[in-house]
Amino acid sequence: MDNGQIQKEIIRTIQAEAGSISALTNFLNMEDLAKAVTLIGNCKGRIILSGCGTSAMAARKIAHSLCCIERPSAFLIPSDAVHGALGLLQPDDILILISKGGNTRELVELVPACRAKGAYLISVTENRGSRLGSLADLCLCVKVDSEPCPFNMLATASTLAVISVFDAICIALMHFTNYTKEQFAVIHPEGAVGERLTGRKEG
């Protein structure tokens, strides 16, 4: 594989992922997404997210973004959850479980405790008919036509799709909760963002 072919493959992958994100609005259930925004915006507890593999990476990013807009959130490690860490989850919380196939055993095992505690369960999956899709109070179906990898297996475009959907949810939440720059400045005083929010120059 020469340098030109490498560059073509990089361009193809970026274009494929961009196309997957662009196509999301063709099949997303907007009523479900609006309901998710309302639920998270009105939540009196915390937003707890969990996932395995690349879904865990997406869940961590989403939890951070929600914290940035004053929706207190945390990532729950599935293996720790069933060894006592599920004590983090309380009745006023929302539990969001992210699984591409919707049948991830480690996440399905969290459902009974969620039900026992009376927390609200949101699943994010490509398969509405999966175990997590059918067990959830609200299922957000997020899928792409294919992954750009040669085997159509490496979770790349699909992971970006989930992140993109929750980026959109976060922006909608900023409007829903009337989130202000002043609020953001309190929790993000450092870095380039902090400089812009506070008008302060470093160095």
N, C-alpha and C. Protein backbone atom coordinates (compact mmCIF):
# COMPACT_ATOMS: atom_id res chain seq x y z
N MET A 1 0.86 -1.19 0.00
CA MET A 1 0.00 0.00 0.00
C MET A 1 0.89 1.24 0.00
N ASP A 2 0.85 2.01 -1.08
CA ASP A 2 1.73 3.17 -1.16
C ASP A 2 1.09 4.38 -0.48
N ASN A 3 1.85 5.47 -0.43
CA ASN A 3 1.42 6.68 0.28
C ASN A 3 0.12 7.24 -0.28
N GLY A 4 -0.03 7.19 -1.59
CA GLY A 4 -1.26 7.70 -2.22
C GLY A 4 -2.47 6.89 -1.82
N GLN A 5 -2.32 5.57 -1.77
CA GLN A 5 -3.43 4.70 -1.37
C GLN A 5 -3.81 4.92 0.09
N ILE A 6 -2.80 5.14 0.94
CA ILE A 6 -3.07 5.42 2.35
C ILE A 6 -3.91 6.69 2.49
N GLN A 7 -3.51 7.71 1.74
CA GLN A 7 -4.23 8.98 1.80
C GLN A 7 -5.67 8.82 1.31
N LYS A 8 -5.86 8.04 0.25
CA LYS A 8 -7.20 7.81 -0.29
C LYS A 8 -8.08 7.09 0.74
N GLU A 9 -7.49 6.13 1.45
CA GLU A 9 -8.24 5.38 2.46
C GLU A 9 -8.64 6.27 3.63
N ILE A 10 -7.74 7.16 4.02
CA ILE A 10 -8.05 8.11 5.09
C ILE A 10 -9.21 9.01 4.68
N ILE A 11 -9.14 9.52 3.44
CA ILE A 11 -10.21 10.39 2.94
C ILE A 11 -11.52 9.64 2.85
N ARG A 12 -11.47 8.39 2.35
CA ARG A 12 -12.69 7.59 2.22
C ARG A 12 -13.36 7.36 3.57
N THR A 13 -12.54 7.06 4.58
CA THR A 13 -13.08 6.79 5.91
C THR A 13 -13.73 8.04 6.50
N ILE A 14 -13.06 9.17 6.39
CA ILE A 14 -13.62 10.41 6.93
C ILE A 14 -14.93 10.76 6.22
N GLN A 15 -14.95 10.59 4.90
CA GLN A 15 -16.16 10.88 4.14
C GLN A 15 -17.30 9.91 4.49
N ALA A 16 -16.95 8.64 4.72
CA ALA A 16 -17.95 7.64 5.09
C ALA A 16 -18.56 7.98 6.44
N GLU A 17 -17.72 8.37 7.39
CA GLU A 17 -18.23 8.72 8.72
C GLU A 17 -19.07 9.99 8.66
N ALA A 18 -18.62 10.97 7.88
CA ALA A 18 -19.40 12.21 7.72
C ALA A 18 -20.76 11.92 7.11
N GLY A 19 -20.78 11.00 6.13
CA GLY A 19 -22.05 10.62 5.50
C GLY A 19 -22.99 9.94 6.48
N SER A 20 -22.43 9.11 7.36
CA SER A 20 -23.25 8.43 8.37
C SER A 20 -23.90 9.43 9.32
N ILE A 21 -23.14 10.41 9.75
CA ILE A 21 -23.68 11.44 10.65
C ILE A 21 -24.76 12.26 9.93
N SER A 22 -24.47 12.62 8.68
CA SER A 22 -25.42 13.42 7.91
C SER A 22 -26.74 12.70 7.70
N ALA A 23 -26.69 11.36 7.58
CA ALA A 23 -27.90 10.58 7.31
C ALA A 23 -28.74 10.31 8.55
N LEU A 24 -28.24 10.63 9.74
CA LEU A 24 -28.94 10.31 10.97
C LEU A 24 -30.36 10.88 11.02
N THR A 25 -30.51 12.10 10.57
CA THR A 25 -31.83 12.75 10.69
C THR A 25 -32.89 12.09 9.81
N ASN A 26 -32.48 11.21 8.90
CA ASN A 26 -33.45 10.54 8.03
C ASN A 26 -34.26 9.48 8.77
N PHE A 27 -33.72 8.95 9.87
CA PHE A 27 -34.45 7.87 10.54
C PHE A 27 -34.53 8.01 12.05
N LEU A 28 -33.92 9.02 12.64
CA LEU A 28 -34.05 9.22 14.08
C LEU A 28 -35.49 9.54 14.45
N ASN A 29 -35.95 9.00 15.57
CA ASN A 29 -37.29 9.30 16.07
C ASN A 29 -37.19 10.59 16.90
N MET A 30 -37.61 11.70 16.30
CA MET A 30 -37.46 13.00 16.94
C MET A 30 -38.32 13.13 18.20
N GLU A 31 -39.45 12.45 18.23
CA GLU A 31 -40.29 12.49 19.43
C GLU A 31 -39.56 11.85 20.60
N ASP A 32 -38.88 10.74 20.35
CA ASP A 32 -38.11 10.08 21.40
C ASP A 32 -36.97 10.96 21.88
N LEU A 33 -36.29 11.64 20.95
CA LEU A 33 -35.18 12.50 21.33
C LEU A 33 -35.68 13.70 22.14
N ALA A 34 -36.81 14.27 21.73
CA ALA A 34 -37.39 15.39 22.46
C ALA A 34 -37.79 14.95 23.88
N LYS A 35 -38.31 13.73 23.99
CA LYS A 35 -38.67 13.21 25.31
C LYS A 35 -37.43 13.05 26.18
N ALA A 36 -36.33 12.59 25.58
CA ALA A 36 -35.08 12.44 26.32
C ALA A 36 -34.59 13.79 26.84
N VAL A 37 -34.68 14.82 26.01
CA VAL A 37 -34.27 16.16 26.43
C VAL A 37 -35.11 16.63 27.61
N THR A 38 -36.42 16.43 27.53
CA THR A 38 -37.32 16.84 28.61
C THR A 38 -37.01 16.09 29.90
N LEU A 39 -36.81 14.78 29.78
CA LEU A 39 -36.53 13.96 30.95
C LEU A 39 -35.22 14.38 31.62
N ILE A 40 -34.17 14.55 30.83
CA ILE A 40 -32.87 14.94 31.38
C ILE A 40 -32.92 16.36 31.92
N GLY A 41 -33.62 17.23 31.21
CA GLY A 41 -33.73 18.61 31.64
C GLY A 41 -34.48 18.76 32.95
N ASN A 42 -35.44 17.90 33.20
CA ASN A 42 -36.24 17.96 34.43
C ASN A 42 -35.75 17.03 35.53
N CYS A 43 -34.71 16.27 35.24
CA CYS A 43 -34.21 15.28 36.21
C CYS A 43 -33.74 15.96 37.50
N LYS A 44 -34.21 15.46 38.62
CA LYS A 44 -33.83 16.01 39.93
C LYS A 44 -32.62 15.28 40.51
N GLY A 45 -32.26 14.17 39.91
CA GLY A 45 -31.11 13.42 40.37
C GLY A 45 -29.94 13.55 39.41
N ARG A 46 -29.25 12.44 39.19
CA ARG A 46 -28.10 12.43 38.30
C ARG A 46 -28.38 11.58 37.07
N ILE A 47 -27.57 11.79 36.05
CA ILE A 47 -27.63 10.99 34.84
C ILE A 47 -26.45 10.02 34.91
N ILE A 48 -26.75 8.73 35.02
CA ILE A 48 -25.71 7.71 35.12
C ILE A 48 -25.62 6.98 33.78
N LEU A 49 -24.44 6.93 33.20
CA LEU A 49 -24.24 6.27 31.90
C LEU A 49 -23.33 5.07 32.05
N SER A 50 -23.59 4.06 31.23
CA SER A 50 -22.73 2.87 31.24
C SER A 50 -22.68 2.25 29.86
N GLY A 51 -21.60 1.57 29.59
CA GLY A 51 -21.41 0.90 28.31
C GLY A 51 -20.13 0.09 28.37
N CYS A 52 -19.93 -0.77 27.40
CA CYS A 52 -18.72 -1.60 27.31
C CYS A 52 -17.99 -1.29 26.00
N GLY A 53 -16.67 -1.45 26.02
CA GLY A 53 -15.90 -1.23 24.80
C GLY A 53 -15.99 0.20 24.30
N THR A 54 -16.19 0.36 22.98
CA THR A 54 -16.27 1.70 22.42
C THR A 54 -17.52 2.43 22.91
N SER A 55 -18.56 1.68 23.26
CA SER A 55 -19.75 2.32 23.83
C SER A 55 -19.43 2.97 25.17
N ALA A 56 -18.48 2.39 25.90
CA ALA A 56 -18.05 2.99 27.17
C ALA A 56 -17.36 4.33 26.92
N MET A 57 -16.56 4.38 25.84
CA MET A 57 -15.88 5.63 25.51
C MET A 57 -16.89 6.72 25.16
N ALA A 58 -17.93 6.33 24.41
CA ALA A 58 -19.00 7.29 24.08
C ALA A 58 -19.71 7.73 25.35
N ALA A 59 -20.00 6.78 26.24
CA ALA A 59 -20.71 7.10 27.49
C ALA A 59 -19.92 8.07 28.35
N ARG A 60 -18.60 7.87 28.42
CA ARG A 60 -17.75 8.77 29.20
C ARG A 60 -17.79 10.19 28.63
N LYS A 61 -17.73 10.29 27.32
CA LYS A 61 -17.75 11.61 26.68
C LYS A 61 -19.09 12.29 26.93
N ILE A 62 -20.17 11.54 26.81
CA ILE A 62 -21.51 12.09 27.02
C ILE A 62 -21.67 12.56 28.45
N ALA A 63 -21.19 11.77 29.41
CA ALA A 63 -21.28 12.16 30.81
C ALA A 63 -20.55 13.47 31.06
N HIS A 64 -19.38 13.62 30.46
CA HIS A 64 -18.63 14.87 30.62
C HIS A 64 -19.38 16.05 30.01
N SER A 65 -19.93 15.86 28.81
CA SER A 65 -20.66 16.95 28.15
C SER A 65 -21.87 17.37 28.98
N LEU A 66 -22.58 16.40 29.56
CA LEU A 66 -23.73 16.73 30.39
C LEU A 66 -23.31 17.50 31.64
N CYS A 67 -22.19 17.12 32.24
CA CYS A 67 -21.68 17.88 33.38
C CYS A 67 -21.37 19.32 32.99
N CYS A 68 -20.86 19.50 31.79
CA CYS A 68 -20.49 20.83 31.31
C CYS A 68 -21.70 21.76 31.17
N ILE A 69 -22.90 21.20 31.08
CA ILE A 69 -24.10 22.03 30.99
C ILE A 69 -24.96 21.87 32.25
N GLU A 70 -24.29 21.54 33.36
CA GLU A 70 -24.92 21.49 34.67
C GLU A 70 -26.02 20.41 34.79
N ARG A 71 -25.82 19.31 34.07
CA ARG A 71 -26.67 18.13 34.27
C ARG A 71 -25.77 17.08 34.93
N PRO A 72 -25.71 17.05 36.27
CA PRO A 72 -24.77 16.18 36.98
C PRO A 72 -24.82 14.73 36.49
N SER A 73 -23.68 14.25 36.01
CA SER A 73 -23.62 12.95 35.35
C SER A 73 -22.37 12.19 35.76
N ALA A 74 -22.41 10.89 35.59
CA ALA A 74 -21.26 10.05 35.92
C ALA A 74 -21.26 8.80 35.06
N PHE A 75 -20.06 8.28 34.81
CA PHE A 75 -19.92 7.01 34.10
C PHE A 75 -19.79 5.90 35.13
N LEU A 76 -20.57 4.83 34.95
CA LEU A 76 -20.55 3.69 35.86
C LEU A 76 -19.92 2.50 35.14
N ILE A 77 -18.81 2.00 35.67
CA ILE A 77 -18.14 0.84 35.09
C ILE A 77 -19.01 -0.40 35.32
N PRO A 78 -19.44 -1.08 34.25
CA PRO A 78 -20.37 -2.20 34.42
C PRO A 78 -19.91 -3.27 35.39
N SER A 79 -18.62 -3.65 35.32
CA SER A 79 -18.13 -4.71 36.21
C SER A 79 -18.13 -4.26 37.67
N ASP A 80 -17.87 -2.99 37.92
CA ASP A 80 -17.92 -2.47 39.28
C ASP A 80 -19.36 -2.34 39.76
N ALA A 81 -20.27 -2.03 38.82
CA ALA A 81 -21.66 -1.79 39.17
C ALA A 81 -22.27 -2.97 39.90
N VAL A 82 -22.04 -4.19 39.38
CA VAL A 82 -22.65 -5.38 39.97
C VAL A 82 -21.85 -5.91 41.17
N HIS A 83 -20.85 -5.15 41.59
CA HIS A 83 -20.10 -5.49 42.80
C HIS A 83 -20.21 -4.37 43.82
N GLY A 84 -21.37 -3.69 43.79
CA GLY A 84 -21.65 -2.69 44.80
C GLY A 84 -21.75 -1.26 44.32
N ALA A 85 -21.13 -0.94 43.18
CA ALA A 85 -21.13 0.45 42.73
C ALA A 85 -22.51 0.91 42.26
N LEU A 86 -23.45 -0.04 42.11
CA LEU A 86 -24.82 0.35 41.76
C LEU A 86 -25.47 1.17 42.86
N GLY A 87 -24.81 1.26 44.03
CA GLY A 87 -25.28 2.15 45.08
C GLY A 87 -25.29 3.61 44.64
N LEU A 88 -24.54 3.91 43.57
CA LEU A 88 -24.54 5.26 43.00
C LEU A 88 -25.92 5.62 42.47
N LEU A 89 -26.65 4.64 41.95
CA LEU A 89 -27.94 4.87 41.31
C LEU A 89 -29.04 5.02 42.36
N GLN A 90 -29.79 6.12 42.26
CA GLN A 90 -30.86 6.42 43.21
C GLN A 90 -32.18 6.66 42.47
N PRO A 91 -33.32 6.66 43.20
CA PRO A 91 -34.64 6.72 42.55
C PRO A 91 -34.86 7.90 41.62
N ASP A 92 -34.26 9.05 41.90
CA ASP A 92 -34.48 10.23 41.05
C ASP A 92 -33.55 10.28 39.85
N ASP A 93 -32.70 9.27 39.70
CA ASP A 93 -31.70 9.28 38.63
C ASP A 93 -32.25 8.70 37.33
N ILE A 94 -31.52 8.98 36.26
CA ILE A 94 -31.77 8.36 34.95
C ILE A 94 -30.55 7.51 34.61
N LEU A 95 -30.78 6.26 34.28
CA LEU A 95 -29.70 5.36 33.86
C LEU A 95 -29.75 5.21 32.34
N ILE A 96 -28.65 5.54 31.67
CA ILE A 96 -28.56 5.43 30.22
C ILE A 96 -27.56 4.32 29.89
N LEU A 97 -28.04 3.27 29.24
CA LEU A 97 -27.21 2.14 28.86
C LEU A 97 -26.99 2.15 27.35
N ILE A 98 -25.73 2.17 26.94
CA ILE A 98 -25.39 2.26 25.52
C ILE A 98 -24.81 0.93 25.05
N SER A 99 -25.46 0.33 24.06
CA SER A 99 -25.02 -0.96 23.51
C SER A 99 -25.43 -1.03 22.06
N LYS A 100 -24.47 -1.17 21.17
CA LYS A 100 -24.77 -1.21 19.74
C LYS A 100 -25.80 -2.30 19.42
N GLY A 101 -25.56 -3.52 19.90
CA GLY A 101 -26.47 -4.62 19.61
C GLY A 101 -27.66 -4.69 20.55
N GLY A 102 -27.51 -4.10 21.73
CA GLY A 102 -28.61 -4.06 22.68
C GLY A 102 -28.74 -5.27 23.57
N ASN A 103 -27.78 -6.19 23.50
CA ASN A 103 -27.86 -7.42 24.30
C ASN A 103 -26.63 -7.63 25.17
N THR A 104 -25.83 -6.60 25.37
CA THR A 104 -24.61 -6.73 26.15
C THR A 104 -24.93 -7.23 27.55
N ARG A 105 -24.41 -8.41 27.90
CA ARG A 105 -24.77 -9.06 29.16
C ARG A 105 -24.47 -8.18 30.37
N GLU A 106 -23.30 -7.55 30.36
CA GLU A 106 -22.91 -6.73 31.51
C GLU A 106 -23.89 -5.59 31.78
N LEU A 107 -24.54 -5.11 30.71
CA LEU A 107 -25.50 -4.01 30.87
C LEU A 107 -26.89 -4.54 31.23
N VAL A 108 -27.27 -5.66 30.64
CA VAL A 108 -28.57 -6.26 30.96
C VAL A 108 -28.63 -6.58 32.46
N GLU A 109 -27.48 -6.94 33.04
CA GLU A 109 -27.43 -7.26 34.46
C GLU A 109 -27.72 -6.07 35.36
N LEU A 110 -27.65 -4.87 34.82
CA LEU A 110 -27.91 -3.66 35.61
C LEU A 110 -29.40 -3.34 35.71
N VAL A 111 -30.19 -3.92 34.82
CA VAL A 111 -31.61 -3.58 34.74
C VAL A 111 -32.39 -3.92 36.01
N PRO A 112 -32.24 -5.12 36.60
CA PRO A 112 -33.02 -5.42 37.81
C PRO A 112 -32.83 -4.41 38.94
N ALA A 113 -31.59 -3.97 39.17
CA ALA A 113 -31.34 -2.98 40.22
C ALA A 113 -31.98 -1.65 39.88
N CYS A 114 -31.93 -1.29 38.60
CA CYS A 114 -32.57 -0.04 38.15
C CYS A 114 -34.06 -0.09 38.44
N ARG A 115 -34.70 -1.23 38.17
CA ARG A 115 -36.12 -1.40 38.42
C ARG A 115 -36.42 -1.38 39.92
N ALA A 116 -35.58 -2.07 40.71
CA ALA A 116 -35.79 -2.14 42.15
C ALA A 116 -35.69 -0.76 42.80
N LYS A 117 -34.81 0.08 42.26
CA LYS A 117 -34.60 1.41 42.82
C LYS A 117 -35.61 2.44 42.28
N GLY A 118 -36.28 2.11 41.19
CA GLY A 118 -37.26 3.04 40.62
C GLY A 118 -36.65 4.14 39.78
N ALA A 119 -35.40 3.95 39.33
CA ALA A 119 -34.78 4.93 38.44
C ALA A 119 -35.34 4.75 37.03
N TYR A 120 -35.20 5.78 36.19
CA TYR A 120 -35.69 5.74 34.82
C TYR A 120 -34.60 5.17 33.92
N LEU A 121 -34.98 4.29 33.01
CA LEU A 121 -34.01 3.60 32.16
C LEU A 121 -34.16 4.01 30.69
N ILE A 122 -33.05 4.51 30.14
CA ILE A 122 -32.98 4.83 28.71
C ILE A 122 -31.92 3.91 28.09
N SER A 123 -32.27 3.26 27.00
CA SER A 123 -31.29 2.46 26.27
C SER A 123 -30.98 3.16 24.96
N VAL A 124 -29.74 3.00 24.51
CA VAL A 124 -29.29 3.54 23.22
C VAL A 124 -28.72 2.37 22.45
N THR A 125 -29.37 2.00 21.35
CA THR A 125 -28.99 0.81 20.62
C THR A 125 -29.44 0.89 19.16
N GLU A 126 -28.84 0.07 18.31
CA GLU A 126 -29.30 -0.03 16.93
C GLU A 126 -30.54 -0.90 16.81
N ASN A 127 -30.76 -1.73 17.81
CA ASN A 127 -31.80 -2.77 17.72
C ASN A 127 -32.90 -2.54 18.76
N ARG A 128 -33.99 -1.94 18.33
CA ARG A 128 -35.10 -1.65 19.25
C ARG A 128 -35.69 -2.93 19.84
N GLY A 129 -35.58 -4.04 19.11
CA GLY A 129 -36.13 -5.30 19.58
C GLY A 129 -35.18 -6.10 20.45
N SER A 130 -34.03 -5.56 20.77
CA SER A 130 -33.06 -6.23 21.63
C SER A 130 -33.54 -6.24 23.07
N ARG A 131 -32.80 -6.92 23.93
CA ARG A 131 -33.20 -6.99 25.34
C ARG A 131 -33.21 -5.60 25.98
N LEU A 132 -32.16 -4.83 25.77
CA LEU A 132 -32.14 -3.49 26.35
C LEU A 132 -33.18 -2.59 25.69
N GLY A 133 -33.38 -2.78 24.39
CA GLY A 133 -34.39 -1.98 23.69
C GLY A 133 -35.78 -2.23 24.23
N SER A 134 -36.08 -3.47 24.54
CA SER A 134 -37.42 -3.82 25.01
C SER A 134 -37.60 -3.59 26.52
N LEU A 135 -36.53 -3.64 27.30
CA LEU A 135 -36.62 -3.46 28.74
C LEU A 135 -36.65 -2.00 29.17
N ALA A 136 -36.17 -1.11 28.32
CA ALA A 136 -36.03 0.29 28.70
C ALA A 136 -37.38 1.03 28.75
N ASP A 137 -37.42 2.07 29.57
CA ASP A 137 -38.58 2.97 29.56
C ASP A 137 -38.62 3.77 28.26
N LEU A 138 -37.42 4.08 27.76
CA LEU A 138 -37.30 4.82 26.50
C LEU A 138 -36.10 4.27 25.75
N CYS A 139 -36.32 3.88 24.51
CA CYS A 139 -35.23 3.38 23.66
C CYS A 139 -34.92 4.40 22.58
N LEU A 140 -33.68 4.85 22.55
CA LEU A 140 -33.22 5.73 21.48
C LEU A 140 -32.49 4.87 20.46
N CYS A 141 -33.09 4.72 19.30
CA CYS A 141 -32.52 3.87 18.26
C CYS A 141 -31.58 4.71 17.40
N VAL A 142 -30.30 4.40 17.47
CA VAL A 142 -29.28 5.13 16.72
C VAL A 142 -28.46 4.12 15.93
N LYS A 143 -28.50 4.22 14.59
CA LYS A 143 -27.79 3.25 13.78
C LYS A 143 -27.24 3.89 12.51
N VAL A 144 -26.27 3.21 11.93
CA VAL A 144 -25.68 3.63 10.66
C VAL A 144 -25.80 2.47 9.68
N ASP A 145 -25.70 2.78 8.40
CA ASP A 145 -25.80 1.73 7.38
C ASP A 145 -24.64 0.75 7.46
N SER A 146 -23.44 1.26 7.70
CA SER A 146 -22.28 0.38 7.77
C SER A 146 -21.11 1.11 8.42
N GLU A 147 -20.17 0.33 8.92
CA GLU A 147 -18.91 0.88 9.42
C GLU A 147 -17.94 0.96 8.25
N PRO A 148 -17.02 1.92 8.26
CA PRO A 148 -16.09 2.03 7.13
C PRO A 148 -14.99 0.99 7.10
N CYS A 149 -14.83 0.18 8.14
CA CYS A 149 -13.73 -0.79 8.16
C CYS A 149 -14.00 -1.93 7.17
N PRO A 150 -12.97 -2.64 6.73
CA PRO A 150 -13.12 -3.70 5.72
C PRO A 150 -14.08 -4.81 6.12
N PHE A 151 -14.25 -5.02 7.44
CA PHE A 151 -15.10 -6.12 7.91
C PHE A 151 -16.49 -5.64 8.32
N ASN A 152 -16.74 -4.33 8.23
CA ASN A 152 -18.01 -3.75 8.69
C ASN A 152 -18.28 -4.14 10.15
N MET A 153 -17.23 -4.10 10.97
CA MET A 153 -17.37 -4.54 12.36
C MET A 153 -16.81 -3.54 13.37
N LEU A 154 -15.69 -2.90 13.05
CA LEU A 154 -15.06 -1.99 14.01
C LEU A 154 -15.98 -0.80 14.27
N ALA A 155 -16.39 -0.62 15.52
CA ALA A 155 -17.36 0.43 15.85
C ALA A 155 -16.71 1.80 15.75
N THR A 156 -16.89 2.43 14.62
CA THR A 156 -16.33 3.76 14.38
C THR A 156 -17.45 4.74 14.05
N ALA A 157 -18.04 4.60 12.88
CA ALA A 157 -19.14 5.47 12.49
C ALA A 157 -20.31 5.36 13.47
N SER A 158 -20.58 4.16 13.94
CA SER A 158 -21.70 3.96 14.87
C SER A 158 -21.45 4.65 16.21
N THR A 159 -20.19 4.63 16.66
CA THR A 159 -19.85 5.31 17.91
C THR A 159 -19.98 6.82 17.75
N LEU A 160 -19.49 7.34 16.63
CA LEU A 160 -19.62 8.76 16.35
C LEU A 160 -21.08 9.18 16.25
N ALA A 161 -21.93 8.28 15.72
CA ALA A 161 -23.35 8.59 15.59
C ALA A 161 -23.99 8.79 16.96
N VAL A 162 -23.67 7.91 17.90
CA VAL A 162 -24.20 8.04 19.26
C VAL A 162 -23.73 9.35 19.90
N ILE A 163 -22.45 9.65 19.74
CA ILE A 163 -21.91 10.89 20.30
C ILE A 163 -22.59 12.09 19.66
N SER A 164 -22.80 12.04 18.34
CA SER A 164 -23.43 13.16 17.63
C SER A 164 -24.86 13.39 18.13
N VAL A 165 -25.60 12.31 18.33
CA VAL A 165 -26.97 12.43 18.82
C VAL A 165 -26.99 13.09 20.20
N PHE A 166 -26.08 12.68 21.07
CA PHE A 166 -26.06 13.27 22.40
C PHE A 166 -25.45 14.67 22.42
N ASP A 167 -24.59 14.99 21.46
CA ASP A 167 -24.17 16.38 21.29
C ASP A 167 -25.40 17.24 21.00
N ALA A 168 -26.25 16.74 20.12
CA ALA A 168 -27.47 17.48 19.77
C ALA A 168 -28.40 17.59 20.98
N ILE A 169 -28.50 16.51 21.76
CA ILE A 169 -29.32 16.55 22.97
C ILE A 169 -28.77 17.59 23.95
N CYS A 170 -27.45 17.65 24.09
CA CYS A 170 -26.84 18.62 25.00
C CYS A 170 -27.12 20.06 24.57
N ILE A 171 -27.02 20.32 23.27
CA ILE A 171 -27.29 21.68 22.79
C ILE A 171 -28.75 22.03 23.02
N ALA A 172 -29.65 21.08 22.76
CA ALA A 172 -31.07 21.31 23.02
C ALA A 172 -31.31 21.56 24.50
N LEU A 173 -30.59 20.84 25.36
CA LEU A 173 -30.72 21.03 26.81
C LEU A 173 -30.28 22.43 27.25
N MET A 174 -29.27 22.97 26.60
CA MET A 174 -28.83 24.33 26.93
C MET A 174 -29.95 25.32 26.73
N HIS A 175 -30.75 25.13 25.68
CA HIS A 175 -31.90 25.99 25.44
C HIS A 175 -33.03 25.67 26.40
N PHE A 176 -33.26 24.37 26.63
CA PHE A 176 -34.36 23.92 27.50
C PHE A 176 -34.20 24.44 28.92
N THR A 177 -32.95 24.47 29.41
CA THR A 177 -32.69 24.89 30.80
C THR A 177 -32.25 26.35 30.90
N ASN A 178 -32.23 27.05 29.76
CA ASN A 178 -31.78 28.45 29.74
C ASN A 178 -30.37 28.59 30.32
N TYR A 179 -29.51 27.68 29.92
CA TYR A 179 -28.13 27.66 30.40
C TYR A 179 -27.38 28.90 29.93
N THR A 180 -26.61 29.52 30.83
CA THR A 180 -25.95 30.78 30.51
C THR A 180 -24.43 30.65 30.46
N LYS A 181 -23.80 31.61 29.80
CA LYS A 181 -22.34 31.66 29.76
C LYS A 181 -21.77 31.88 31.15
N GLU A 182 -22.50 32.59 31.98
CA GLU A 182 -22.05 32.83 33.35
C GLU A 182 -21.97 31.52 34.14
N GLN A 183 -22.95 30.66 33.93
CA GLN A 183 -22.91 29.34 34.57
C GLN A 183 -21.71 28.54 34.08
N PHE A 184 -21.50 28.59 32.78
CA PHE A 184 -20.40 27.84 32.18
C PHE A 184 -19.05 28.34 32.70
N ALA A 185 -18.94 29.66 32.89
CA ALA A 185 -17.68 30.24 33.36
C ALA A 185 -17.32 29.76 34.75
N VAL A 186 -18.31 29.49 35.58
CA VAL A 186 -18.05 29.02 36.95
C VAL A 186 -17.40 27.63 36.94
N ILE A 187 -17.87 26.75 36.06
CA ILE A 187 -17.38 25.37 36.08
C ILE A 187 -16.27 25.10 35.06
N HIS A 188 -15.97 26.08 34.20
CA HIS A 188 -14.92 25.89 33.20
C HIS A 188 -14.04 27.13 33.13
N PRO A 189 -13.33 27.43 34.26
CA PRO A 189 -12.53 28.65 34.29
C PRO A 189 -11.17 28.54 33.62
N GLU A 190 -10.73 27.33 33.28
CA GLU A 190 -9.39 27.15 32.76
C GLU A 190 -9.37 26.83 31.26
N GLY A 191 -8.16 26.91 30.68
CA GLY A 191 -7.98 26.60 29.27
C GLY A 191 -8.47 27.70 28.36
N ALA A 192 -8.44 27.41 27.06
CA ALA A 192 -8.86 28.40 26.06
C ALA A 192 -10.34 28.75 26.23
N VAL A 193 -11.16 27.74 26.57
CA VAL A 193 -12.58 28.00 26.79
C VAL A 193 -12.77 28.94 27.98
N GLY A 194 -12.02 28.68 29.07
CA GLY A 194 -12.10 29.54 30.24
C GLY A 194 -11.70 30.97 29.94
N GLU A 195 -10.68 31.13 29.12
CA GLU A 195 -10.25 32.48 28.72
C GLU A 195 -11.37 33.22 28.00
N ARG A 196 -12.02 32.52 27.08
CA ARG A 196 -13.11 33.16 26.32
C ARG A 196 -14.30 33.49 27.20
N LEU A 197 -14.60 32.60 28.16
CA LEU A 197 -15.76 32.82 29.02
C LEU A 197 -15.54 33.94 30.02
N THR A 198 -14.32 34.05 30.54
CA THR A 198 -14.05 35.03 31.58
C THR A 198 -13.41 36.30 31.06
N GLY A 199 -12.94 36.28 29.80
CA GLY A 199 -12.25 37.44 29.26
C GLY A 199 -10.84 37.59 29.80
N ARG A 200 -10.36 36.53 30.47
CA ARG A 200 -9.04 36.56 31.07
C ARG A 200 -8.00 36.04 30.09
N LYS A 201 -6.83 36.63 30.11
CA LYS A 201 -5.71 36.18 29.27
C LYS A 201 -4.68 35.50 30.14
N GLU A 202 -4.24 34.31 29.75
CA GLU A 202 -3.21 33.61 30.49
C GLU A 202 -1.82 34.04 30.04
N GLY A 203 -0.87 33.94 30.96
CA GLY A 203 0.52 34.21 30.61
C GLY A 203 0.81 35.67 30.45
